[in-house]
Amino acid sequence: MKKQHIGLLVAGVVVGIAAFFVLSGRGIGGYPYVCADGTEFRVVPAADRSSITLSAIKSAALFSEKTLPRVESNIGTMYVADGVVFFGKGEEVQFITAALSTVCHPASGGNIPLNWGQ
């Protein structure tokens, strides 16, 4: 009986923490990506995936932190704003700016990557 109470308490704490992050607008966590050209960045999706925030890890001179809204696409998940395009299909993403176009993959050792759809 006591083990059941502890399990319920732990489940309640986990749900409470998740609700805090969703309700406070902090999204669902960050995911590091590494690109073929050496660019590295972190993707933080909004809780409802209506937008993502990109922040540079390496090659920061190429872009600053930027929030991209989701746009409709029949061929995958796409976020676009201010000359930056982030297109995802499966775990692979295409990152495009005026200065570069590169293919990126989840960094090893990072959080479990998002699947952007088939």
PDB file of N, CA and C in Angstrom:
ATOM      1  N   MET A   1       0.820  -1.191   0.000  1.00  0.00           N
ATOM      2  CA  MET A   1       0.000   0.000   0.000  1.00  0.00           C
ATOM      3  C   MET A   1       0.866   1.257   0.000  1.00  0.00           C
ATOM      4  N   LYS A   2       1.950   1.250   0.773  1.00  0.00           N
ATOM      5  CA  LYS A   2       2.822   2.421   0.832  1.00  0.00           C
ATOM      6  C   LYS A   2       3.519   2.668  -0.506  1.00  0.00           C
ATOM      7  N   LYS A   3       3.895   1.599  -1.202  1.00  0.00           N
ATOM      8  CA  LYS A   3       4.535   1.757  -2.506  1.00  0.00           C
ATOM      9  C   LYS A   3       3.591   2.422  -3.496  1.00  0.00           C
ATOM     10  N   GLN A   4       2.308   2.114  -3.412  1.00  0.00           N
ATOM     11  CA  GLN A   4       1.331   2.743  -4.295  1.00  0.00           C
ATOM     12  C   GLN A   4       1.249   4.241  -4.033  1.00  0.00           C
ATOM     13  N   HIS A   5       1.293   4.623  -2.762  1.00  0.00           N
ATOM     14  CA  HIS A   5       1.233   6.042  -2.415  1.00  0.00           C
ATOM     15  C   HIS A   5       2.457   6.792  -2.938  1.00  0.00           C
ATOM     16  N   ILE A   6       3.613   6.170  -2.812  1.00  0.00           N
ATOM     17  CA  ILE A   6       4.841   6.800  -3.308  1.00  0.00           C
ATOM     18  C   ILE A   6       4.781   6.935  -4.826  1.00  0.00           C
ATOM     19  N   GLY A   7       4.301   5.894  -5.503  1.00  0.00           N
ATOM     20  CA  GLY A   7       4.162   5.952  -6.958  1.00  0.00           C
ATOM     21  C   GLY A   7       3.220   7.055  -7.392  1.00  0.00           C
ATOM     22  N   LEU A   8       2.102   7.196  -6.702  1.00  0.00           N
ATOM     23  CA  LEU A   8       1.157   8.268  -7.024  1.00  0.00           C
ATOM     24  C   LEU A   8       1.761   9.636  -6.751  1.00  0.00           C
ATOM     25  N   LEU A   9       2.506   9.751  -5.675  1.00  0.00           N
ATOM     26  CA  LEU A   9       3.156  11.020  -5.344  1.00  0.00           C
ATOM     27  C   LEU A   9       4.173  11.403  -6.418  1.00  0.00           C
ATOM     28  N   VAL A  10       4.989  10.449  -6.842  1.00  0.00           N
ATOM     29  CA  VAL A  10       5.980  10.709  -7.887  1.00  0.00           C
ATOM     30  C   VAL A  10       5.283  11.097  -9.189  1.00  0.00           C
ATOM     31  N   ALA A  11       4.235  10.380  -9.560  1.00  0.00           N
ATOM     32  CA  ALA A  11       3.493  10.710 -10.782  1.00  0.00           C
ATOM     33  C   ALA A  11       2.902  12.111 -10.692  1.00  0.00           C
ATOM     34  N   GLY A  12       2.378  12.469  -9.526  1.00  0.00           N
ATOM     35  CA  GLY A  12       1.814  13.807  -9.338  1.00  0.00           C
ATOM     36  C   GLY A  12       2.860  14.893  -9.487  1.00  0.00           C
ATOM     37  N   VAL A  13       4.054  14.660  -8.960  1.00  0.00           N
ATOM     38  CA  VAL A  13       5.137  15.639  -9.072  1.00  0.00           C
ATOM     39  C   VAL A  13       5.548  15.798 -10.535  1.00  0.00           C
ATOM     40  N   VAL A  14       5.688  14.694 -11.261  1.00  0.00           N
ATOM     41  CA  VAL A  14       6.068  14.755 -12.673  1.00  0.00           C
ATOM     42  C   VAL A  14       5.021  15.521 -13.475  1.00  0.00           C
ATOM     43  N   VAL A  15       3.758  15.222 -13.266  1.00  0.00           N
ATOM     44  CA  VAL A  15       2.686  15.928 -13.975  1.00  0.00           C
ATOM     45  C   VAL A  15       2.691  17.405 -13.606  1.00  0.00           C
ATOM     46  N   GLY A  16       2.906  17.714 -12.336  1.00  0.00           N
ATOM     47  CA  GLY A  16       2.951  19.112 -11.895  1.00  0.00           C
ATOM     48  C   GLY A  16       4.083  19.887 -12.543  1.00  0.00           C
ATOM     49  N   ILE A  17       5.251  19.291 -12.628  1.00  0.00           N
ATOM     50  CA  ILE A  17       6.392  19.959 -13.265  1.00  0.00           C
ATOM     51  C   ILE A  17       6.118  20.174 -14.749  1.00  0.00           C
ATOM     52  N   ALA A  18       5.596  19.165 -15.420  1.00  0.00           N
ATOM     53  CA  ALA A  18       5.272  19.309 -16.846  1.00  0.00           C
ATOM     54  C   ALA A  18       4.234  20.403 -17.056  1.00  0.00           C
ATOM     55  N   ALA A  19       3.223  20.437 -16.214  1.00  0.00           N
ATOM     56  CA  ALA A  19       2.183  21.473 -16.332  1.00  0.00           C
ATOM     57  C   ALA A  19       2.776  22.855 -16.117  1.00  0.00           C
ATOM     58  N   PHE A  20       3.709  22.991 -15.175  1.00  0.00           N
ATOM     59  CA  PHE A  20       4.347  24.283 -14.934  1.00  0.00           C
ATOM     60  C   PHE A  20       5.045  24.784 -16.194  1.00  0.00           C
ATOM     61  N   PHE A  21       5.814  23.914 -16.839  1.00  0.00           N
ATOM     62  CA  PHE A  21       6.541  24.335 -18.035  1.00  0.00           C
ATOM     63  C   PHE A  21       5.596  24.673 -19.183  1.00  0.00           C
ATOM     64  N   VAL A  22       4.552  23.897 -19.357  1.00  0.00           N
ATOM     65  CA  VAL A  22       3.600  24.171 -20.431  1.00  0.00           C
ATOM     66  C   VAL A  22       2.846  25.463 -20.155  1.00  0.00           C
ATOM     67  N   LEU A  23       2.325  25.629 -18.946  1.00  0.00           N
ATOM     68  CA  LEU A  23       1.528  26.810 -18.622  1.00  0.00           C
ATOM     69  C   LEU A  23       2.360  28.081 -18.532  1.00  0.00           C
ATOM     70  N   SER A  24       3.635  27.959 -18.213  1.00  0.00           N
ATOM     71  CA  SER A  24       4.479  29.148 -18.129  1.00  0.00           C
ATOM     72  C   SER A  24       5.057  29.527 -19.486  1.00  0.00           C
ATOM     73  N   GLY A  25       4.729  28.760 -20.526  1.00  0.00           N
ATOM     74  CA  GLY A  25       5.185  29.080 -21.875  1.00  0.00           C
ATOM     75  C   GLY A  25       6.628  28.703 -22.140  1.00  0.00           C
ATOM     76  N   ARG A  26       7.200  27.850 -21.338  1.00  0.00           N
ATOM     77  CA  ARG A  26       8.604  27.486 -21.507  1.00  0.00           C
ATOM     78  C   ARG A  26       8.812  26.361 -22.505  1.00  0.00           C
ATOM     79  N   GLY A  27       7.754  25.859 -23.101  1.00  0.00           N
ATOM     80  CA  GLY A  27       7.906  24.834 -24.115  1.00  0.00           C
ATOM     81  C   GLY A  27       8.225  23.472 -23.532  1.00  0.00           C
ATOM     82  N   ILE A  28       8.748  22.577 -24.354  1.00  0.00           N
ATOM     83  CA  ILE A  28       8.951  21.201 -23.923  1.00  0.00           C
ATOM     84  C   ILE A  28      10.427  20.809 -23.875  1.00  0.00           C
ATOM     85  N   GLY A  29      11.325  21.748 -23.877  1.00  0.00           N
ATOM     86  CA  GLY A  29      12.739  21.430 -23.755  1.00  0.00           C
ATOM     87  C   GLY A  29      13.522  21.780 -24.993  1.00  0.00           C
ATOM     88  N   GLY A  30      14.830  21.630 -24.906  1.00  0.00           N
ATOM     89  CA  GLY A  30      15.686  22.001 -26.021  1.00  0.00           C
ATOM     90  C   GLY A  30      16.381  20.799 -26.616  1.00  0.00           C
ATOM     91  N   TYR A  31      16.690  20.901 -27.901  1.00  0.00           N
ATOM     92  CA  TYR A  31      17.300  19.812 -28.638  1.00  0.00           C
ATOM     93  C   TYR A  31      18.476  20.337 -29.454  1.00  0.00           C
ATOM     94  N   PRO A  32      19.704  19.876 -29.174  1.00  0.00           N
ATOM     95  CA  PRO A  32      20.860  20.336 -29.952  1.00  0.00           C
ATOM     96  C   PRO A  32      20.956  19.618 -31.297  1.00  0.00           C
ATOM     97  N   TYR A  33      21.354  20.384 -32.313  1.00  0.00           N
ATOM     98  CA  TYR A  33      21.560  19.853 -33.662  1.00  0.00           C
ATOM     99  C   TYR A  33      22.954  20.226 -34.139  1.00  0.00           C
ATOM    100  N   VAL A  34      23.558  19.331 -34.939  1.00  0.00           N
ATOM    101  CA  VAL A  34      24.858  19.551 -35.561  1.00  0.00           C
ATOM    102  C   VAL A  34      24.660  19.435 -37.069  1.00  0.00           C
ATOM    103  N   CYS A  35      25.222  20.406 -37.801  1.00  0.00           N
ATOM    104  CA  CYS A  35      25.024  20.461 -39.255  1.00  0.00           C
ATOM    105  C   CYS A  35      26.279  20.031 -40.006  1.00  0.00           C
ATOM    106  N   ALA A  36      26.087  19.683 -41.264  1.00  0.00           N
ATOM    107  CA  ALA A  36      27.181  19.210 -42.116  1.00  0.00           C
ATOM    108  C   ALA A  36      28.300  20.231 -42.236  1.00  0.00           C
ATOM    109  N   ASP A  37      27.978  21.536 -42.167  1.00  0.00           N
ATOM    110  CA  ASP A  37      28.998  22.577 -42.304  1.00  0.00           C
ATOM    111  C   ASP A  37      29.621  22.981 -40.968  1.00  0.00           C
ATOM    112  N   GLY A  38      29.260  22.301 -39.875  1.00  0.00           N
ATOM    113  CA  GLY A  38      29.814  22.613 -38.563  1.00  0.00           C
ATOM    114  C   GLY A  38      28.940  23.516 -37.706  1.00  0.00           C
ATOM    115  N   THR A  39      27.893  24.080 -38.274  1.00  0.00           N
ATOM    116  CA  THR A  39      26.966  24.899 -37.495  1.00  0.00           C
ATOM    117  C   THR A  39      26.302  24.031 -36.435  1.00  0.00           C
ATOM    118  N   GLU A  40      26.163  24.572 -35.231  1.00  0.00           N
ATOM    119  CA  GLU A  40      25.457  23.879 -34.157  1.00  0.00           C
ATOM    120  C   GLU A  40      24.455  24.845 -33.546  1.00  0.00           C
ATOM    121  N   PHE A  41      23.254  24.350 -33.279  1.00  0.00           N
ATOM    122  CA  PHE A  41      22.237  25.191 -32.661  1.00  0.00           C
ATOM    123  C   PHE A  41      21.298  24.337 -31.824  1.00  0.00           C
ATOM    124  N   ARG A  42      20.531  25.013 -30.989  1.00  0.00           N
ATOM    125  CA  ARG A  42      19.547  24.364 -30.131  1.00  0.00           C
ATOM    126  C   ARG A  42      18.161  24.779 -30.600  1.00  0.00           C
ATOM    127  N   VAL A  43      17.255  23.810 -30.656  1.00  0.00           N
ATOM    128  CA  VAL A  43      15.860  24.047 -31.018  1.00  0.00           C
ATOM    129  C   VAL A  43      15.015  23.884 -29.759  1.00  0.00           C
ATOM    130  N   VAL A  44      14.228  24.907 -29.448  1.00  0.00           N
ATOM    131  CA  VAL A  44      13.290  24.824 -28.329  1.00  0.00           C
ATOM    132  C   VAL A  44      11.889  25.044 -28.894  1.00  0.00           C
ATOM    133  N   PRO A  45      11.097  23.977 -28.986  1.00  0.00           N
ATOM    134  CA  PRO A  45       9.747  24.129 -29.528  1.00  0.00           C
ATOM    135  C   PRO A  45       8.784  24.673 -28.480  1.00  0.00           C
ATOM    136  N   ALA A  46       7.794  25.433 -28.935  1.00  0.00           N
ATOM    137  CA  ALA A  46       6.704  25.836 -28.054  1.00  0.00           C
ATOM    138  C   ALA A  46       5.947  24.570 -27.662  1.00  0.00           C
ATOM    139  N   ALA A  47       5.255  24.619 -26.546  1.00  0.00           N
ATOM    140  CA  ALA A  47       4.540  23.441 -26.058  1.00  0.00           C
ATOM    141  C   ALA A  47       3.573  22.888 -27.093  1.00  0.00           C
ATOM    142  N   ASP A  48       2.951  23.755 -27.875  1.00  0.00           N
ATOM    143  CA  ASP A  48       1.996  23.309 -28.894  1.00  0.00           C
ATOM    144  C   ASP A  48       2.633  23.186 -30.278  1.00  0.00           C
ATOM    145  N   ARG A  49       3.946  23.374 -30.352  1.00  0.00           N
ATOM    146  CA  ARG A  49       4.734  23.311 -31.590  1.00  0.00           C
ATOM    147  C   ARG A  49       4.292  24.330 -32.638  1.00  0.00           C
ATOM    148  N   SER A  50       3.660  25.407 -32.203  1.00  0.00           N
ATOM    149  CA  SER A  50       3.254  26.462 -33.137  1.00  0.00           C
ATOM    150  C   SER A  50       4.437  27.326 -33.547  1.00  0.00           C
ATOM    151  N   SER A  51       5.536  27.224 -32.811  1.00  0.00           N
ATOM    152  CA  SER A  51       6.757  27.959 -33.139  1.00  0.00           C
ATOM    153  C   SER A  51       7.939  27.229 -32.520  1.00  0.00           C
ATOM    154  N   ILE A  52       9.133  27.599 -32.986  1.00  0.00           N
ATOM    155  CA  ILE A  52      10.369  27.100 -32.388  1.00  0.00           C
ATOM    156  C   ILE A  52      11.292  28.289 -32.171  1.00  0.00           C
ATOM    157  N   THR A  53      12.164  28.171 -31.186  1.00  0.00           N
ATOM    158  CA  THR A  53      13.207  29.167 -30.979  1.00  0.00           C
ATOM    159  C   THR A  53      14.544  28.492 -31.239  1.00  0.00           C
ATOM    160  N   LEU A  54      15.333  29.098 -32.132  1.00  0.00           N
ATOM    161  CA  LEU A  54      16.666  28.604 -32.460  1.00  0.00           C
ATOM    162  C   LEU A  54      17.687  29.473 -31.764  1.00  0.00           C
ATOM    163  N   SER A  55      18.663  28.860 -31.131  1.00  0.00           N
ATOM    164  CA  SER A  55      19.765  29.628 -30.553  1.00  0.00           C
ATOM    165  C   SER A  55      21.073  28.963 -30.956  1.00  0.00           C
ATOM    166  N   ALA A  56      22.020  29.777 -31.366  1.00  0.00           N
ATOM    167  CA  ALA A  56      23.297  29.280 -31.873  1.00  0.00           C
ATOM    168  C   ALA A  56      24.135  28.699 -30.746  1.00  0.00           C
ATOM    169  N   ILE A  57      24.811  27.606 -31.033  1.00  0.00           N
ATOM    170  CA  ILE A  57      25.804  27.027 -30.134  1.00  0.00           C
ATOM    171  C   ILE A  57      27.186  27.288 -30.720  1.00  0.00           C
ATOM    172  N   LYS A  58      27.343  27.031 -32.028  1.00  0.00           N
ATOM    173  CA  LYS A  58      28.599  27.248 -32.741  1.00  0.00           C
ATOM    174  C   LYS A  58      28.254  27.945 -34.050  1.00  0.00           C
ATOM    175  N   SER A  59      29.136  28.775 -34.545  1.00  0.00           N
ATOM    176  CA  SER A  59      28.881  29.612 -35.722  1.00  0.00           C
ATOM    177  C   SER A  59      27.829  30.660 -35.397  1.00  0.00           C
ATOM    178  N   ALA A  60      27.912  31.209 -34.200  1.00  0.00           N
ATOM    179  CA  ALA A  60      26.918  32.172 -33.724  1.00  0.00           C
ATOM    180  C   ALA A  60      26.863  33.424 -34.582  1.00  0.00           C
ATOM    181  N   ALA A  61      27.919  33.716 -35.322  1.00  0.00           N
ATOM    182  CA  ALA A  61      27.915  34.917 -36.160  1.00  0.00           C
ATOM    183  C   ALA A  61      26.902  34.806 -37.298  1.00  0.00           C
ATOM    184  N   LEU A  62      26.480  33.586 -37.622  1.00  0.00           N
ATOM    185  CA  LEU A  62      25.562  33.395 -38.736  1.00  0.00           C
ATOM    186  C   LEU A  62      24.129  33.802 -38.414  1.00  0.00           C
ATOM    187  N   PHE A  63      23.723  33.690 -37.157  1.00  0.00           N
ATOM    188  CA  PHE A  63      22.373  34.094 -36.770  1.00  0.00           C
ATOM    189  C   PHE A  63      22.311  34.296 -35.267  1.00  0.00           C
ATOM    190  N   SER A  64      21.371  35.119 -34.846  1.00  0.00           N
ATOM    191  CA  SER A  64      21.147  35.301 -33.421  1.00  0.00           C
ATOM    192  C   SER A  64      19.939  34.459 -33.029  1.00  0.00           C
ATOM    193  N   GLU A  65      19.611  34.455 -31.741  1.00  0.00           N
ATOM    194  CA  GLU A  65      18.429  33.707 -31.321  1.00  0.00           C
ATOM    195  C   GLU A  65      17.221  34.205 -32.094  1.00  0.00           C
ATOM    196  N   LYS A  66      16.441  33.280 -32.577  1.00  0.00           N
ATOM    197  CA  LYS A  66      15.321  33.650 -33.445  1.00  0.00           C
ATOM    198  C   LYS A  66      14.157  32.706 -33.195  1.00  0.00           C
ATOM    199  N   THR A  67      12.949  33.276 -33.116  1.00  0.00           N
ATOM    200  CA  THR A  67      11.736  32.474 -32.992  1.00  0.00           C
ATOM    201  C   THR A  67      11.037  32.440 -34.343  1.00  0.00           C
ATOM    202  N   LEU A  68      10.750  31.233 -34.805  1.00  0.00           N
ATOM    203  CA  LEU A  68      10.128  31.031 -36.112  1.00  0.00           C
ATOM    204  C   LEU A  68       8.737  30.428 -35.932  1.00  0.00           C
ATOM    205  N   PRO A  69       7.708  31.042 -36.526  1.00  0.00           N
ATOM    206  CA  PRO A  69       6.378  30.437 -36.466  1.00  0.00           C
ATOM    207  C   PRO A  69       6.255  29.289 -37.467  1.00  0.00           C
ATOM    208  N   ARG A  70       5.402  28.349 -37.151  1.00  0.00           N
ATOM    209  CA  ARG A  70       5.149  27.214 -38.049  1.00  0.00           C
ATOM    210  C   ARG A  70       4.284  27.679 -39.217  1.00  0.00           C
ATOM    211  N   VAL A  71       4.610  27.190 -40.405  1.00  0.00           N
ATOM    212  CA  VAL A  71       3.806  27.470 -41.593  1.00  0.00           C
ATOM    213  C   VAL A  71       3.324  26.139 -42.172  1.00  0.00           C
ATOM    214  N   GLU A  72       2.230  26.182 -42.884  1.00  0.00           N
ATOM    215  CA  GLU A  72       1.667  24.966 -43.474  1.00  0.00           C
ATOM    216  C   GLU A  72       2.589  24.424 -44.562  1.00  0.00           C
ATOM    217  N   SER A  73       2.760  23.111 -44.567  1.00  0.00           N
ATOM    218  CA  SER A  73       3.589  22.455 -45.570  1.00  0.00           C
ATOM    219  C   SER A  73       3.074  21.038 -45.776  1.00  0.00           C
ATOM    220  N   ASN A  74       2.994  20.617 -47.013  1.00  0.00           N
ATOM    221  CA  ASN A  74       2.564  19.251 -47.330  1.00  0.00           C
ATOM    222  C   ASN A  74       3.722  18.261 -47.318  1.00  0.00           C
ATOM    223  N   ILE A  75       4.945  18.749 -47.209  1.00  0.00           N
ATOM    224  CA  ILE A  75       6.106  17.873 -47.366  1.00  0.00           C
ATOM    225  C   ILE A  75       6.929  17.699 -46.098  1.00  0.00           C
ATOM    226  N   GLY A  76       6.468  18.217 -44.961  1.00  0.00           N
ATOM    227  CA  GLY A  76       7.188  18.105 -43.703  1.00  0.00           C
ATOM    228  C   GLY A  76       6.825  19.259 -42.797  1.00  0.00           C
ATOM    229  N   THR A  77       7.549  19.409 -41.716  1.00  0.00           N
ATOM    230  CA  THR A  77       7.308  20.487 -40.769  1.00  0.00           C
ATOM    231  C   THR A  77       8.213  21.654 -41.117  1.00  0.00           C
ATOM    232  N   MET A  78       7.639  22.850 -41.268  1.00  0.00           N
ATOM    233  CA  MET A  78       8.408  24.011 -41.698  1.00  0.00           C
ATOM    234  C   MET A  78       8.119  25.213 -40.799  1.00  0.00           C
ATOM    235  N   TYR A  79       9.205  25.903 -40.429  1.00  0.00           N
ATOM    236  CA  TYR A  79       9.127  27.137 -39.649  1.00  0.00           C
ATOM    237  C   TYR A  79       9.911  28.195 -40.417  1.00  0.00           C
ATOM    238  N   VAL A  80       9.331  29.387 -40.584  1.00  0.00           N
ATOM    239  CA  VAL A  80       9.949  30.414 -41.421  1.00  0.00           C
ATOM    240  C   VAL A  80       9.748  31.787 -40.796  1.00  0.00           C
ATOM    241  N   ALA A  81      10.814  32.616 -40.799  1.00  0.00           N
ATOM    242  CA  ALA A  81      10.719  34.024 -40.388  1.00  0.00           C
ATOM    243  C   ALA A  81      12.019  34.735 -40.719  1.00  0.00           C
ATOM    244  N   ASP A  82      11.911  35.971 -41.171  1.00  0.00           N
ATOM    245  CA  ASP A  82      13.061  36.860 -41.351  1.00  0.00           C
ATOM    246  C   ASP A  82      14.214  36.225 -42.122  1.00  0.00           C
ATOM    247  N   GLY A  83      13.916  35.536 -43.210  1.00  0.00           N
ATOM    248  CA  GLY A  83      14.974  34.962 -44.029  1.00  0.00           C
ATOM    249  C   GLY A  83      15.586  33.685 -43.489  1.00  0.00           C
ATOM    250  N   VAL A  84      14.988  33.102 -42.457  1.00  0.00           N
ATOM    251  CA  VAL A  84      15.474  31.839 -41.908  1.00  0.00           C
ATOM    252  C   VAL A  84      14.399  30.783 -42.134  1.00  0.00           C
ATOM    253  N   VAL A  85      14.819  29.644 -42.692  1.00  0.00           N
ATOM    254  CA  VAL A  85      13.903  28.532 -42.929  1.00  0.00           C
ATOM    255  C   VAL A  85      14.431  27.316 -42.174  1.00  0.00           C
ATOM    256  N   PHE A  86      13.551  26.674 -41.434  1.00  0.00           N
ATOM    257  CA  PHE A  86      13.862  25.447 -40.712  1.00  0.00           C
ATOM    258  C   PHE A  86      12.842  24.423 -41.175  1.00  0.00           C
ATOM    259  N   PHE A  87      13.326  23.401 -41.893  1.00  0.00           N
ATOM    260  CA  PHE A  87      12.442  22.389 -42.462  1.00  0.00           C
ATOM    261  C   PHE A  87      12.834  21.035 -41.917  1.00  0.00           C
ATOM    262  N   GLY A  88      11.896  20.332 -41.309  1.00  0.00           N
ATOM    263  CA  GLY A  88      12.196  19.032 -40.736  1.00  0.00           C
ATOM    264  C   GLY A  88      11.392  17.914 -41.350  1.00  0.00           C
ATOM    265  N   LYS A  89      12.051  16.770 -41.534  1.00  0.00           N
ATOM    266  CA  LYS A  89      11.382  15.564 -41.998  1.00  0.00           C
ATOM    267  C   LYS A  89      12.073  14.396 -41.317  1.00  0.00           C
ATOM    268  N   GLY A  90      11.322  13.622 -40.543  1.00  0.00           N
ATOM    269  CA  GLY A  90      11.937  12.588 -39.720  1.00  0.00           C
ATOM    270  C   GLY A  90      12.774  13.254 -38.639  1.00  0.00           C
ATOM    271  N   GLU A  91      14.007  12.809 -38.441  1.00  0.00           N
ATOM    272  CA  GLU A  91      14.901  13.449 -37.475  1.00  0.00           C
ATOM    273  C   GLU A  91      15.829  14.460 -38.138  1.00  0.00           C
ATOM    274  N   GLU A  92      15.915  14.449 -39.465  1.00  0.00           N
ATOM    275  CA  GLU A  92      16.800  15.345 -40.208  1.00  0.00           C
ATOM    276  C   GLU A  92      16.119  16.694 -40.432  1.00  0.00           C
ATOM    277  N   VAL A  93      16.921  17.758 -40.397  1.00  0.00           N
ATOM    278  CA  VAL A  93      16.388  19.088 -40.688  1.00  0.00           C
ATOM    279  C   VAL A  93      17.264  19.784 -41.723  1.00  0.00           C
ATOM    280  N   GLN A  94      16.660  20.673 -42.457  1.00  0.00           N
ATOM    281  CA  GLN A  94      17.366  21.551 -43.394  1.00  0.00           C
ATOM    282  C   GLN A  94      17.318  22.940 -42.771  1.00  0.00           C
ATOM    283  N   PHE A  95      18.468  23.579 -42.628  1.00  0.00           N
ATOM    284  CA  PHE A  95      18.569  24.910 -42.039  1.00  0.00           C
ATOM    285  C   PHE A  95      19.067  25.854 -43.126  1.00  0.00           C
ATOM    286  N   ILE A  96      18.276  26.884 -43.430  1.00  0.00           N
ATOM    287  CA  ILE A  96      18.603  27.782 -44.542  1.00  0.00           C
ATOM    288  C   ILE A  96      18.546  29.226 -44.072  1.00  0.00           C
ATOM    289  N   THR A  97      19.615  29.991 -44.368  1.00  0.00           N
ATOM    290  CA  THR A  97      19.644  31.441 -44.165  1.00  0.00           C
ATOM    291  C   THR A  97      20.212  32.046 -45.449  1.00  0.00           C
ATOM    292  N   ALA A  98      20.339  33.360 -45.472  1.00  0.00           N
ATOM    293  CA  ALA A  98      20.943  34.015 -46.638  1.00  0.00           C
ATOM    294  C   ALA A  98      22.396  33.583 -46.813  1.00  0.00           C
ATOM    295  N   ALA A  99      23.065  33.207 -45.715  1.00  0.00           N
ATOM    296  CA  ALA A  99      24.482  32.864 -45.764  1.00  0.00           C
ATOM    297  C   ALA A  99      24.758  31.375 -45.946  1.00  0.00           C
ATOM    298  N   LEU A 100      23.771  30.502 -45.694  1.00  0.00           N
ATOM    299  CA  LEU A 100      24.059  29.071 -45.763  1.00  0.00           C
ATOM    300  C   LEU A 100      22.801  28.257 -46.003  1.00  0.00           C
ATOM    301  N   SER A 101      23.029  27.042 -46.454  1.00  0.00           N
ATOM    302  CA  SER A 101      21.996  26.013 -46.548  1.00  0.00           C
ATOM    303  C   SER A 101      22.681  24.714 -46.172  1.00  0.00           C
ATOM    304  N   THR A 102      22.230  24.073 -45.110  1.00  0.00           N
ATOM    305  CA  THR A 102      22.920  22.894 -44.623  1.00  0.00           C
ATOM    306  C   THR A 102      21.934  21.896 -44.034  1.00  0.00           C
ATOM    307  N   VAL A 103      22.324  20.631 -44.046  1.00  0.00           N
ATOM    308  CA  VAL A 103      21.528  19.554 -43.464  1.00  0.00           C
ATOM    309  C   VAL A 103      22.048  19.299 -42.055  1.00  0.00           C
ATOM    310  N   CYS A 104      21.128  19.106 -41.114  1.00  0.00           N
ATOM    311  CA  CYS A 104      21.505  18.947 -39.712  1.00  0.00           C
ATOM    312  C   CYS A 104      20.849  17.707 -39.114  1.00  0.00           C
ATOM    313  N   HIS A 105      21.519  17.152 -38.113  1.00  0.00           N
ATOM    314  CA  HIS A 105      21.031  15.967 -37.412  1.00  0.00           C
ATOM    315  C   HIS A 105      21.118  16.209 -35.909  1.00  0.00           C
ATOM    316  N   PRO A 106      20.352  15.453 -35.123  1.00  0.00           N
ATOM    317  CA  PRO A 106      20.436  15.594 -33.667  1.00  0.00           C
ATOM    318  C   PRO A 106      21.857  15.323 -33.190  1.00  0.00           C
ATOM    319  N   ALA A 107      22.328  16.146 -32.263  1.00  0.00           N
ATOM    320  CA  ALA A 107      23.659  15.937 -31.682  1.00  0.00           C
ATOM    321  C   ALA A 107      23.619  14.690 -30.815  1.00  0.00           C
ATOM    322  N   SER A 108      24.669  13.888 -30.871  1.00  0.00           N
ATOM    323  CA  SER A 108      24.712  12.702 -30.025  1.00  0.00           C
ATOM    324  C   SER A 108      24.853  13.139 -28.576  1.00  0.00           C
ATOM    325  N   GLY A 109      24.222  12.415 -27.698  1.00  0.00           N
ATOM    326  CA  GLY A 109      24.289  12.734 -26.280  1.00  0.00           C
ATOM    327  C   GLY A 109      23.289  13.788 -25.853  1.00  0.00           C
ATOM    328  N   GLY A 110      22.516  14.324 -26.787  1.00  0.00           N
ATOM    329  CA  GLY A 110      21.506  15.317 -26.441  1.00  0.00           C
ATOM    330  C   GLY A 110      20.210  14.642 -26.032  1.00  0.00           C
ATOM    331  N   ASN A 111      19.181  15.443 -25.828  1.00  0.00           N
ATOM    332  CA  ASN A 111      17.863  14.897 -25.547  1.00  0.00           C
ATOM    333  C   ASN A 111      17.399  14.068 -26.733  1.00  0.00           C
ATOM    334  N   ILE A 112      16.452  13.192 -26.498  1.00  0.00           N
ATOM    335  CA  ILE A 112      15.867  12.420 -27.587  1.00  0.00           C
ATOM    336  C   ILE A 112      15.316  13.408 -28.597  1.00  0.00           C
ATOM    337  N   PRO A 113      15.687  13.284 -29.865  1.00  0.00           N
ATOM    338  CA  PRO A 113      15.286  14.293 -30.847  1.00  0.00           C
ATOM    339  C   PRO A 113      13.799  14.254 -31.155  1.00  0.00           C
ATOM    340  N   LEU A 114      13.337  15.375 -31.647  1.00  0.00           N
ATOM    341  CA  LEU A 114      11.965  15.445 -32.130  1.00  0.00           C
ATOM    342  C   LEU A 114      11.875  14.728 -33.459  1.00  0.00           C
ATOM    343  N   ASN A 115      10.741  14.152 -33.744  1.00  0.00           N
ATOM    344  CA  ASN A 115      10.494  13.599 -35.064  1.00  0.00           C
ATOM    345  C   ASN A 115       9.587  14.582 -35.769  1.00  0.00           C
ATOM    346  N   TRP A 116      10.078  15.161 -36.838  1.00  0.00           N
ATOM    347  CA  TRP A 116       9.369  16.236 -37.531  1.00  0.00           C
ATOM    348  C   TRP A 116       8.321  15.712 -38.495  1.00  0.00           C
ATOM    349  N   GLY A 117       8.089  14.434 -38.534  1.00  0.00           N
ATOM    350  CA  GLY A 117       7.083  13.864 -39.431  1.00  0.00           C
ATOM    351  C   GLY A 117       7.735  13.223 -40.637  1.00  0.00           C
ATOM    352  N   GLN A 118       6.978  12.422 -41.316  1.00  0.00           N
ATOM    353  CA  GLN A 118       7.489  11.709 -42.482  1.00  0.00           C
ATOM    354  C   GLN A 118       7.338  12.580 -43.655  1.00  0.00           C
TER     355      GLN A 118
END
